N, C-alpha and C. Protein backbone atom coordinates (compact mmCIF):
# COMPACT_ATOMS: atom_id res chain seq x y z
N MET A 1 241.35 103.50 175.38
CA MET A 1 240.77 103.52 174.04
C MET A 1 241.39 102.43 173.16
N PRO A 2 240.79 101.28 173.09
CA PRO A 2 241.34 100.21 172.26
C PRO A 2 241.27 100.51 170.77
N ASP A 3 240.43 101.47 170.36
CA ASP A 3 240.30 101.80 168.95
C ASP A 3 241.60 102.33 168.37
N LYS A 4 242.42 103.01 169.17
CA LYS A 4 243.70 103.54 168.70
C LYS A 4 244.63 102.41 168.30
N LYS A 5 244.58 101.31 169.02
CA LYS A 5 245.40 100.15 168.67
C LYS A 5 244.96 99.58 167.32
N LYS A 6 243.66 99.55 167.11
CA LYS A 6 243.13 99.03 165.85
C LYS A 6 243.52 99.94 164.68
N ILE A 7 243.46 101.25 164.90
CA ILE A 7 243.86 102.20 163.85
C ILE A 7 245.35 102.06 163.57
N LYS A 8 246.15 101.88 164.62
CA LYS A 8 247.60 101.72 164.45
C LYS A 8 247.91 100.47 163.65
N LYS A 9 247.19 99.39 163.89
CA LYS A 9 247.42 98.16 163.13
C LYS A 9 247.06 98.37 161.66
N VAL A 10 245.93 99.03 161.40
CA VAL A 10 245.53 99.33 160.02
C VAL A 10 246.58 100.24 159.38
N TYR A 11 247.07 101.22 160.13
CA TYR A 11 248.11 102.13 159.65
C TYR A 11 249.36 101.35 159.23
N ASP A 12 249.82 100.44 160.09
CA ASP A 12 251.02 99.66 159.80
C ASP A 12 250.86 98.83 158.53
N VAL A 13 249.71 98.18 158.38
CA VAL A 13 249.46 97.36 157.20
C VAL A 13 249.31 98.24 155.96
N LEU A 14 248.67 99.37 156.11
CA LEU A 14 248.50 100.32 155.00
C LEU A 14 249.85 100.80 154.49
N ILE A 15 250.73 101.19 155.39
CA ILE A 15 252.07 101.66 155.01
C ILE A 15 252.84 100.53 154.34
N GLU A 16 252.77 99.36 154.93
CA GLU A 16 253.48 98.19 154.38
C GLU A 16 253.03 97.91 152.94
N GLY A 17 251.72 97.91 152.72
CA GLY A 17 251.19 97.64 151.39
C GLY A 17 251.53 98.73 150.39
N ALA A 18 251.47 99.98 150.82
CA ALA A 18 251.79 101.09 149.92
C ALA A 18 253.26 101.07 149.53
N TYR A 19 254.15 100.78 150.48
CA TYR A 19 255.57 100.68 150.17
C TYR A 19 255.88 99.46 149.30
N ALA A 20 255.00 98.46 149.34
CA ALA A 20 255.18 97.28 148.49
C ALA A 20 254.70 97.53 147.06
N GLY A 21 254.14 98.71 146.81
CA GLY A 21 253.72 99.07 145.46
C GLY A 21 252.24 98.86 145.18
N LEU A 22 251.48 98.50 146.19
CA LEU A 22 250.04 98.30 145.98
C LEU A 22 249.32 99.64 145.94
N SER A 23 248.23 99.69 145.22
CA SER A 23 247.42 100.91 145.18
C SER A 23 245.96 100.55 144.94
N ASP A 24 245.11 101.51 145.18
CA ASP A 24 243.68 101.42 144.94
C ASP A 24 243.08 100.13 145.49
N THR A 25 242.44 99.35 144.66
CA THR A 25 241.74 98.14 145.11
C THR A 25 242.69 97.11 145.69
N ALA A 26 243.86 96.98 145.11
CA ALA A 26 244.83 96.01 145.62
C ALA A 26 245.27 96.37 147.03
N LEU A 27 245.49 97.65 147.28
CA LEU A 27 245.88 98.10 148.62
C LEU A 27 244.71 97.92 149.60
N HIS A 28 243.52 98.27 149.17
CA HIS A 28 242.33 98.07 150.00
C HIS A 28 242.19 96.60 150.38
N ASP A 29 242.28 95.72 149.40
CA ASP A 29 242.15 94.28 149.66
C ASP A 29 243.25 93.77 150.59
N TYR A 30 244.46 94.28 150.41
CA TYR A 30 245.59 93.89 151.26
C TYR A 30 245.32 94.27 152.71
N VAL A 31 244.86 95.49 152.93
CA VAL A 31 244.58 95.95 154.29
C VAL A 31 243.48 95.10 154.92
N PHE A 32 242.40 94.85 154.19
CA PHE A 32 241.28 94.10 154.75
C PHE A 32 241.57 92.61 154.86
N GLU A 33 242.54 92.12 154.12
CA GLU A 33 242.98 90.74 154.27
C GLU A 33 243.76 90.58 155.58
N HIS A 34 244.59 91.56 155.88
CA HIS A 34 245.41 91.50 157.10
C HIS A 34 244.69 92.03 158.34
N CYS A 35 243.67 92.83 158.13
CA CYS A 35 242.87 93.38 159.24
C CYS A 35 241.40 93.16 158.90
N PRO A 36 240.91 91.93 159.01
CA PRO A 36 239.55 91.63 158.57
C PRO A 36 238.45 92.38 159.32
N LYS A 37 238.74 92.86 160.50
CA LYS A 37 237.73 93.60 161.26
C LYS A 37 237.84 95.10 161.05
N ALA A 38 238.70 95.53 160.15
CA ALA A 38 238.85 96.95 159.85
C ALA A 38 237.58 97.48 159.20
N THR A 39 237.38 98.78 159.32
CA THR A 39 236.23 99.43 158.71
C THR A 39 236.74 100.55 157.80
N SER A 40 235.87 101.06 156.97
CA SER A 40 236.25 102.18 156.11
C SER A 40 236.67 103.39 156.94
N LYS A 41 235.97 103.60 158.03
CA LYS A 41 236.30 104.73 158.90
C LYS A 41 237.70 104.58 159.47
N ARG A 42 238.06 103.40 159.91
CA ARG A 42 239.41 103.17 160.43
C ARG A 42 240.44 103.31 159.32
N LEU A 43 240.09 102.87 158.13
CA LEU A 43 241.01 103.00 157.00
C LEU A 43 241.29 104.48 156.71
N VAL A 44 240.27 105.30 156.73
CA VAL A 44 240.44 106.73 156.48
C VAL A 44 241.27 107.36 157.61
N ARG A 45 240.98 106.99 158.84
CA ARG A 45 241.75 107.54 159.97
C ARG A 45 243.21 107.12 159.90
N ALA A 46 243.46 105.87 159.55
CA ALA A 46 244.83 105.39 159.41
C ALA A 46 245.53 106.11 158.26
N SER A 47 244.80 106.39 157.20
CA SER A 47 245.36 107.12 156.07
C SER A 47 245.75 108.53 156.48
N LEU A 48 244.90 109.19 157.24
CA LEU A 48 245.22 110.54 157.71
C LEU A 48 246.43 110.51 158.64
N LEU A 49 246.53 109.49 159.45
CA LEU A 49 247.70 109.33 160.31
C LEU A 49 248.96 109.19 159.47
N ALA A 50 248.89 108.40 158.42
CA ALA A 50 250.04 108.21 157.53
C ALA A 50 250.42 109.51 156.82
N LEU A 51 249.41 110.25 156.38
CA LEU A 51 249.67 111.50 155.68
C LEU A 51 250.32 112.55 156.59
N SER A 52 250.06 112.46 157.87
CA SER A 52 250.64 113.43 158.81
C SER A 52 251.94 112.94 159.44
N ASP A 53 252.34 111.72 159.14
CA ASP A 53 253.56 111.15 159.72
C ASP A 53 254.79 111.68 158.97
N PRO A 54 255.67 112.40 159.66
CA PRO A 54 256.84 112.95 158.98
C PRO A 54 257.84 111.89 158.50
N LYS A 55 257.73 110.67 159.02
CA LYS A 55 258.63 109.58 158.60
C LYS A 55 258.28 109.08 157.20
N VAL A 56 257.04 109.25 156.79
CA VAL A 56 256.60 108.81 155.46
C VAL A 56 256.87 109.95 154.49
N GLN A 57 257.92 109.79 153.67
CA GLN A 57 258.33 110.87 152.78
C GLN A 57 258.28 110.50 151.31
N ASP A 58 257.96 109.26 151.01
CA ASP A 58 257.88 108.82 149.62
C ASP A 58 256.63 109.42 148.98
N ARG A 59 256.82 110.23 147.97
CA ARG A 59 255.71 110.94 147.33
C ARG A 59 254.67 109.97 146.75
N ASN A 60 255.12 108.89 146.13
CA ASN A 60 254.20 107.93 145.54
C ASN A 60 253.35 107.26 146.62
N VAL A 61 253.97 106.88 147.72
CA VAL A 61 253.25 106.25 148.82
C VAL A 61 252.19 107.21 149.37
N LEU A 62 252.57 108.47 149.55
CA LEU A 62 251.62 109.46 150.04
C LEU A 62 250.47 109.67 149.07
N ASN A 63 250.76 109.70 147.77
CA ASN A 63 249.71 109.86 146.76
C ASN A 63 248.74 108.68 146.77
N VAL A 64 249.27 107.47 146.89
CA VAL A 64 248.43 106.26 146.91
C VAL A 64 247.53 106.27 148.14
N ILE A 65 248.09 106.60 149.28
CA ILE A 65 247.32 106.64 150.53
C ILE A 65 246.26 107.74 150.47
N TYR A 66 246.64 108.89 149.94
CA TYR A 66 245.71 110.01 149.81
C TYR A 66 244.53 109.63 148.92
N ALA A 67 244.82 109.00 147.78
CA ALA A 67 243.76 108.59 146.85
C ALA A 67 242.81 107.58 147.50
N LEU A 68 243.37 106.65 148.24
CA LEU A 68 242.54 105.64 148.91
C LEU A 68 241.66 106.29 149.98
N ALA A 69 242.23 107.22 150.73
CA ALA A 69 241.45 107.92 151.76
C ALA A 69 240.31 108.71 151.15
N ILE A 70 240.59 109.42 150.07
CA ILE A 70 239.55 110.22 149.40
C ILE A 70 238.43 109.31 148.89
N LYS A 71 238.82 108.21 148.27
CA LYS A 71 237.83 107.28 147.72
C LYS A 71 236.90 106.76 148.81
N HIS A 72 237.47 106.38 149.94
CA HIS A 72 236.66 105.82 151.02
C HIS A 72 235.90 106.90 151.78
N ARG A 73 236.42 108.08 151.84
CA ARG A 73 235.73 109.16 152.52
C ARG A 73 234.51 109.60 151.73
N LEU A 74 234.63 109.64 150.42
CA LEU A 74 233.54 110.12 149.59
C LEU A 74 232.42 109.09 149.40
N ASP A 75 232.80 107.85 149.20
CA ASP A 75 231.75 106.85 148.93
C ASP A 75 231.47 105.95 150.13
N GLY A 76 232.22 106.12 151.20
CA GLY A 76 231.99 105.28 152.38
C GLY A 76 232.61 103.91 152.24
N GLY A 77 233.07 103.57 151.06
CA GLY A 77 233.68 102.26 150.85
C GLY A 77 232.65 101.15 150.87
N PRO A 78 233.03 99.99 150.42
CA PRO A 78 232.09 98.87 150.35
C PRO A 78 231.72 98.29 151.71
N ASP A 79 232.47 98.65 152.73
CA ASP A 79 232.25 98.06 154.05
C ASP A 79 231.86 99.12 155.08
N SER A 80 231.16 100.14 154.65
CA SER A 80 230.85 101.26 155.55
C SER A 80 229.70 100.97 156.50
N ASP A 81 228.91 99.95 156.25
CA ASP A 81 227.81 99.62 157.15
C ASP A 81 228.38 99.22 158.51
N GLY A 82 227.80 99.79 159.54
CA GLY A 82 228.23 99.43 160.88
C GLY A 82 229.42 100.22 161.39
N ASP A 83 229.89 101.20 160.65
CA ASP A 83 231.00 102.02 161.12
C ASP A 83 230.48 103.02 162.13
N GLU A 84 230.62 102.68 163.36
CA GLU A 84 230.18 103.57 164.43
C GLU A 84 231.38 104.28 165.01
N ASP A 85 231.15 105.51 165.52
CA ASP A 85 232.16 106.33 166.17
C ASP A 85 233.10 106.87 165.17
């Protein structure tokens, strides 16, 4: 399953950006700048992975990731076309 590698890469960039203090649109743009082939679905899955990771304990980082996941889950995000699987 090569998709797991793609989600892991999005996860790594997402965590990096959140710990750097990015949030909302800035964090979204950061992730898609570093992972141009990422999709909203992968972003949400990576966010859920981060929320369940016991190593991530910074409350602000978790809140930022949670908010981004909710936003993309509810509206599909601007890049939701073509998100298969």
